[in-house]
């Protein structure tokens, strides 16, 4: 509930997808540092840094749901490729 998506969230997600593909992983999570607000104003295009990839990220409810969804997609993709 306290998470505030940065204005450039989609660009950060795309960068993470490129990093996942570069690592050759099917599924993973990333720790990302995002530049914060300044003088009480949100930045319109904050800088970010991917600092770690996690192939087994800690699981809360949302993470578990996402992993289940993605694993199901991967299984169907592999099954349909036969």
Protein backbone atom coordinates (compact mmCIF):
# COMPACT_ATOMS: atom_id res chain seq x y z
CA UNK A 1 0.00 0.00 0.00
CA UNK A 2 2.85 2.44 0.64
CA UNK A 3 4.51 1.75 -2.74
CA UNK A 4 4.37 4.68 -5.14
CA UNK A 5 5.03 3.73 -8.74
CA UNK A 6 7.53 6.08 -10.39
CA UNK A 7 6.25 8.05 -13.39
CA UNK A 8 8.53 6.03 -15.70
CA UNK A 9 7.47 2.62 -14.33
CA UNK A 10 6.98 1.09 -17.80
CA UNK A 11 10.54 2.01 -18.84
CA UNK A 12 11.90 0.38 -15.68
CA UNK A 13 9.87 -2.78 -16.36
CA UNK A 14 11.17 -2.93 -19.95
CA UNK A 15 14.75 -2.56 -18.67
CA UNK A 16 14.16 -5.45 -16.26
CA UNK A 17 12.78 -7.60 -19.08
CA UNK A 18 15.90 -6.89 -21.14
CA UNK A 19 18.07 -7.81 -18.14
CA UNK A 20 16.11 -11.06 -17.61
CA UNK A 21 16.62 -11.99 -21.25
CA UNK A 22 20.32 -11.09 -21.12
CA UNK A 23 20.70 -13.42 -18.13
CA UNK A 24 18.91 -16.20 -20.00
CA UNK A 25 16.28 -16.65 -17.28
CA UNK A 26 12.66 -17.68 -17.76
CA UNK A 27 11.51 -16.03 -14.53
CA UNK A 28 13.13 -13.82 -11.91
CA UNK A 29 12.71 -10.68 -9.84
CA UNK A 30 14.89 -7.60 -9.62
CA UNK A 31 15.85 -5.21 -6.86
CA UNK A 32 15.76 -1.74 -8.38
CA UNK A 33 16.87 1.54 -6.82
CA UNK A 34 14.86 4.52 -8.05
CA UNK A 35 15.78 8.16 -7.56
CA UNK A 36 13.44 9.73 -5.00
CA UNK A 37 11.47 12.94 -4.96
CA UNK A 38 13.15 16.28 -4.40
CA UNK A 39 11.84 19.13 -2.28
CA UNK A 40 8.50 17.33 -1.94
CA UNK A 41 7.96 17.09 -5.71
CA UNK A 42 7.83 13.84 -7.60
CA UNK A 43 10.36 13.47 -10.40
CA UNK A 44 8.83 13.01 -13.84
CA UNK A 45 11.67 10.81 -15.08
CA UNK A 46 13.70 9.48 -12.12
CA UNK A 47 16.89 7.57 -12.78
CA UNK A 48 17.07 3.91 -11.75
CA UNK A 49 19.59 1.16 -11.27
CA UNK A 50 19.03 -2.59 -11.34
CA UNK A 51 21.18 -3.72 -8.43
CA UNK A 52 20.35 -7.44 -8.17
CA UNK A 53 18.55 -10.26 -9.93
CA UNK A 54 16.79 -12.82 -7.76
CA UNK A 55 15.82 -16.17 -9.20
CA UNK A 56 14.09 -17.07 -5.93
CA UNK A 57 12.68 -13.84 -4.56
CA UNK A 58 11.02 -13.76 -1.15
CA UNK A 59 7.35 -14.59 -1.46
CA UNK A 60 4.49 -12.54 -0.21
CA UNK A 61 0.98 -12.95 -1.51
CA UNK A 62 1.46 -10.82 -4.63
CA UNK A 63 4.80 -12.44 -5.52
CA UNK A 64 3.33 -15.93 -5.13
CA UNK A 65 0.41 -15.05 -7.38
CA UNK A 66 2.73 -13.63 -10.04
CA UNK A 67 5.03 -16.66 -9.91
CA UNK A 68 2.08 -19.06 -10.27
CA UNK A 69 0.80 -17.09 -13.27
CA UNK A 70 4.21 -16.99 -14.95
CA UNK A 71 5.03 -20.64 -14.24
CA UNK A 72 1.70 -21.67 -15.76
CA UNK A 73 2.51 -19.60 -18.87
CA UNK A 74 5.94 -21.24 -19.15
CA UNK A 75 4.50 -24.75 -18.81
CA UNK A 76 1.88 -24.04 -21.51
CA UNK A 77 4.50 -22.48 -23.76
CA UNK A 78 6.81 -25.52 -23.42
CA UNK A 79 3.90 -27.94 -23.84
CA UNK A 80 2.58 -26.19 -26.95
CA UNK A 81 6.07 -26.08 -28.48
CA UNK A 82 6.12 -29.89 -28.76
